[in-house]
Amino acid sequence: MECLRLWVKDVDFEQRQIMVRDPKGMHDRTTMLTVTLKLSLQAYLQAVKHLHEHDLASGHGEVSLPNALA
């Protein structure tokens, strides 16, 4: 479950660390980010960013929210 709760902001590529927040025992901790995983994760995030930018340029990526006051 700890891996599923990770956010991009929890990964420090420069320091090669991952912050694990609210894990079992409820004490935040850091763990190392291996070079291999760092490179793979950076490539994945770049691909997702490119896909997101493409979706936005195509007019997608927005959500209509219902009017809460109506």
N, C-alpha and C. Protein backbone atom coordinates (compact mmCIF):
# COMPACT_ATOMS: atom_id res chain seq x y z
N MET A 1 0.81 -1.19 0.00
CA MET A 1 0.00 0.00 0.00
C MET A 1 0.86 1.26 0.00
N GLU A 2 2.01 1.19 0.63
CA GLU A 2 2.88 2.38 0.69
C GLU A 2 3.28 2.83 -0.71
N CYS A 3 3.55 1.92 -1.59
CA CYS A 3 3.93 2.27 -2.97
C CYS A 3 2.76 2.89 -3.71
N LEU A 4 1.56 2.43 -3.45
CA LEU A 4 0.39 2.95 -4.14
C LEU A 4 0.06 4.37 -3.71
N ARG A 5 0.52 4.77 -2.53
CA ARG A 5 0.21 6.11 -2.00
C ARG A 5 1.26 7.15 -2.35
N LEU A 6 2.29 6.77 -3.09
CA LEU A 6 3.36 7.72 -3.42
C LEU A 6 2.87 8.77 -4.40
N TRP A 7 3.35 9.98 -4.24
CA TRP A 7 3.09 11.09 -5.14
C TRP A 7 4.42 11.48 -5.78
N VAL A 8 4.36 12.14 -6.90
CA VAL A 8 5.58 12.61 -7.56
C VAL A 8 6.36 13.51 -6.62
N LYS A 9 5.66 14.33 -5.84
CA LYS A 9 6.33 15.24 -4.91
C LYS A 9 7.10 14.50 -3.81
N ASP A 10 6.82 13.21 -3.61
CA ASP A 10 7.52 12.42 -2.60
C ASP A 10 8.87 11.89 -3.10
N VAL A 11 9.16 12.10 -4.38
CA VAL A 11 10.40 11.59 -4.96
C VAL A 11 11.37 12.76 -5.15
N ASP A 12 12.54 12.64 -4.54
CA ASP A 12 13.59 13.65 -4.68
C ASP A 12 14.67 13.05 -5.58
N PHE A 13 14.64 13.44 -6.87
CA PHE A 13 15.57 12.88 -7.83
C PHE A 13 17.00 13.32 -7.57
N GLU A 14 17.19 14.54 -7.11
CA GLU A 14 18.55 15.05 -6.87
C GLU A 14 19.22 14.33 -5.72
N GLN A 15 18.48 14.12 -4.63
CA GLN A 15 19.05 13.43 -3.46
C GLN A 15 18.89 11.91 -3.55
N ARG A 16 18.18 11.45 -4.61
CA ARG A 16 17.90 10.03 -4.82
C ARG A 16 17.23 9.41 -3.59
N GLN A 17 16.12 10.06 -3.16
CA GLN A 17 15.37 9.59 -2.01
C GLN A 17 13.88 9.57 -2.32
N ILE A 18 13.18 8.68 -1.62
CA ILE A 18 11.74 8.62 -1.69
C ILE A 18 11.22 8.80 -0.26
N MET A 19 10.28 9.73 -0.09
CA MET A 19 9.66 9.93 1.22
C MET A 19 8.41 9.06 1.29
N VAL A 20 8.38 8.16 2.24
CA VAL A 20 7.22 7.30 2.46
C VAL A 20 6.44 7.92 3.61
N ARG A 21 5.22 8.39 3.30
CA ARG A 21 4.42 9.11 4.30
C ARG A 21 3.33 8.19 4.87
N ASP A 22 3.14 8.29 6.17
CA ASP A 22 2.13 7.52 6.90
C ASP A 22 2.18 6.03 6.61
N PRO A 23 3.36 5.43 6.71
CA PRO A 23 3.43 3.97 6.49
C PRO A 23 2.93 3.21 7.72
N LYS A 24 3.08 1.92 7.66
CA LYS A 24 2.73 1.09 8.80
C LYS A 24 3.51 1.59 10.02
N GLY A 25 2.86 1.83 11.11
CA GLY A 25 3.50 2.39 12.28
C GLY A 25 3.38 3.90 12.35
N MET A 26 2.90 4.52 11.27
CA MET A 26 2.59 5.94 11.20
C MET A 26 3.80 6.86 11.43
N HIS A 27 4.98 6.42 11.08
CA HIS A 27 6.17 7.27 11.16
C HIS A 27 6.73 7.44 9.76
N ASP A 28 6.75 8.69 9.26
CA ASP A 28 7.31 8.96 7.93
C ASP A 28 8.77 8.52 7.90
N ARG A 29 9.20 8.07 6.73
CA ARG A 29 10.59 7.67 6.59
C ARG A 29 11.04 7.91 5.16
N THR A 30 12.34 7.93 4.97
CA THR A 30 12.89 8.04 3.62
C THR A 30 13.59 6.74 3.26
N THR A 31 13.60 6.47 1.98
CA THR A 31 14.31 5.30 1.48
C THR A 31 15.06 5.71 0.22
N MET A 32 16.02 4.92 -0.17
CA MET A 32 16.84 5.31 -1.32
C MET A 32 16.12 5.03 -2.64
N LEU A 33 16.49 5.81 -3.63
CA LEU A 33 16.00 5.66 -4.99
C LEU A 33 17.20 5.21 -5.83
N THR A 34 17.16 3.99 -6.31
CA THR A 34 18.29 3.46 -7.07
C THR A 34 18.44 4.21 -8.40
N VAL A 35 19.63 4.20 -8.94
CA VAL A 35 19.90 4.88 -10.21
C VAL A 35 19.04 4.29 -11.32
N THR A 36 18.91 2.97 -11.36
CA THR A 36 18.11 2.32 -12.39
C THR A 36 16.65 2.76 -12.31
N LEU A 37 16.10 2.76 -11.11
CA LEU A 37 14.71 3.18 -10.93
C LEU A 37 14.56 4.67 -11.22
N LYS A 38 15.54 5.45 -10.83
CA LYS A 38 15.51 6.90 -11.08
C LYS A 38 15.36 7.17 -12.57
N LEU A 39 16.19 6.54 -13.38
CA LEU A 39 16.15 6.77 -14.82
C LEU A 39 14.83 6.29 -15.43
N SER A 40 14.36 5.13 -15.01
CA SER A 40 13.09 4.60 -15.51
C SER A 40 11.92 5.49 -15.10
N LEU A 41 11.92 5.94 -13.87
CA LEU A 41 10.83 6.78 -13.37
C LEU A 41 10.83 8.14 -14.06
N GLN A 42 12.00 8.72 -14.28
CA GLN A 42 12.07 9.99 -14.99
C GLN A 42 11.57 9.86 -16.42
N ALA A 43 11.91 8.77 -17.08
CA ALA A 43 11.45 8.54 -18.45
C ALA A 43 9.93 8.37 -18.47
N TYR A 44 9.39 7.63 -17.52
CA TYR A 44 7.95 7.43 -17.43
C TYR A 44 7.22 8.75 -17.19
N LEU A 45 7.71 9.55 -16.24
CA LEU A 45 7.07 10.83 -15.95
C LEU A 45 7.13 11.78 -17.14
N GLN A 46 8.20 11.75 -17.88
CA GLN A 46 8.32 12.58 -19.08
C GLN A 46 7.29 12.14 -20.12
N ALA A 47 7.12 10.84 -20.30
CA ALA A 47 6.14 10.32 -21.26
C ALA A 47 4.72 10.69 -20.86
N VAL A 48 4.41 10.60 -19.56
CA VAL A 48 3.08 10.95 -19.08
C VAL A 48 2.83 12.44 -19.24
N LYS A 49 3.85 13.26 -18.99
CA LYS A 49 3.72 14.71 -19.16
C LYS A 49 3.44 15.04 -20.63
N HIS A 50 4.15 14.39 -21.53
CA HIS A 50 3.95 14.61 -22.96
C HIS A 50 2.53 14.21 -23.37
N LEU A 51 2.05 13.08 -22.88
CA LEU A 51 0.70 12.62 -23.17
C LEU A 51 -0.34 13.61 -22.65
N HIS A 52 -0.12 14.11 -21.45
CA HIS A 52 -1.04 15.08 -20.85
C HIS A 52 -1.08 16.38 -21.67
N GLU A 53 0.10 16.85 -22.08
CA GLU A 53 0.15 18.06 -22.90
C GLU A 53 -0.55 17.85 -24.24
N HIS A 54 -0.39 16.68 -24.83
CA HIS A 54 -1.07 16.35 -26.08
C HIS A 54 -2.59 16.33 -25.88
N ASP A 55 -3.05 15.74 -24.79
CA ASP A 55 -4.48 15.70 -24.49
C ASP A 55 -5.04 17.11 -24.32
N LEU A 56 -4.31 17.97 -23.60
CA LEU A 56 -4.77 19.34 -23.42
C LEU A 56 -4.84 20.09 -24.74
N ALA A 57 -3.83 19.90 -25.59
CA ALA A 57 -3.80 20.56 -26.89
C ALA A 57 -4.95 20.07 -27.79
N SER A 58 -5.41 18.85 -27.56
CA SER A 58 -6.51 18.28 -28.34
C SER A 58 -7.88 18.63 -27.77
N GLY A 59 -7.88 19.43 -26.71
CA GLY A 59 -9.15 19.83 -26.10
C GLY A 59 -9.67 18.88 -25.05
N HIS A 60 -8.84 17.96 -24.62
CA HIS A 60 -9.24 17.00 -23.58
C HIS A 60 -8.56 17.38 -22.27
N GLY A 61 -8.85 16.65 -21.24
CA GLY A 61 -8.17 16.86 -19.98
C GLY A 61 -8.87 17.82 -19.05
N GLU A 62 -10.07 18.24 -19.40
CA GLU A 62 -10.83 19.11 -18.52
C GLU A 62 -12.08 18.38 -18.05
N VAL A 63 -12.54 18.74 -16.88
CA VAL A 63 -13.71 18.10 -16.30
C VAL A 63 -14.73 19.18 -15.97
N SER A 64 -15.96 18.98 -16.39
CA SER A 64 -17.03 19.89 -16.04
C SER A 64 -17.57 19.50 -14.67
N LEU A 65 -17.56 20.45 -13.76
CA LEU A 65 -18.08 20.19 -12.42
C LEU A 65 -19.51 20.70 -12.33
N PRO A 66 -20.36 19.99 -11.62
CA PRO A 66 -21.74 20.47 -11.47
C PRO A 66 -21.76 21.75 -10.63
N ASN A 67 -22.71 22.57 -10.88
CA ASN A 67 -22.84 23.81 -10.14
C ASN A 67 -23.40 23.47 -8.75
N ALA A 68 -22.59 23.72 -7.73
CA ALA A 68 -22.98 23.36 -6.36
C ALA A 68 -24.08 24.26 -5.83
N LEU A 69 -24.26 25.44 -6.42
CA LEU A 69 -25.26 26.38 -5.92
C LEU A 69 -26.61 26.21 -6.57
N ALA A 70 -26.70 25.43 -7.61
CA ALA A 70 -27.97 25.29 -8.34
C ALA A 70 -28.93 24.39 -7.65
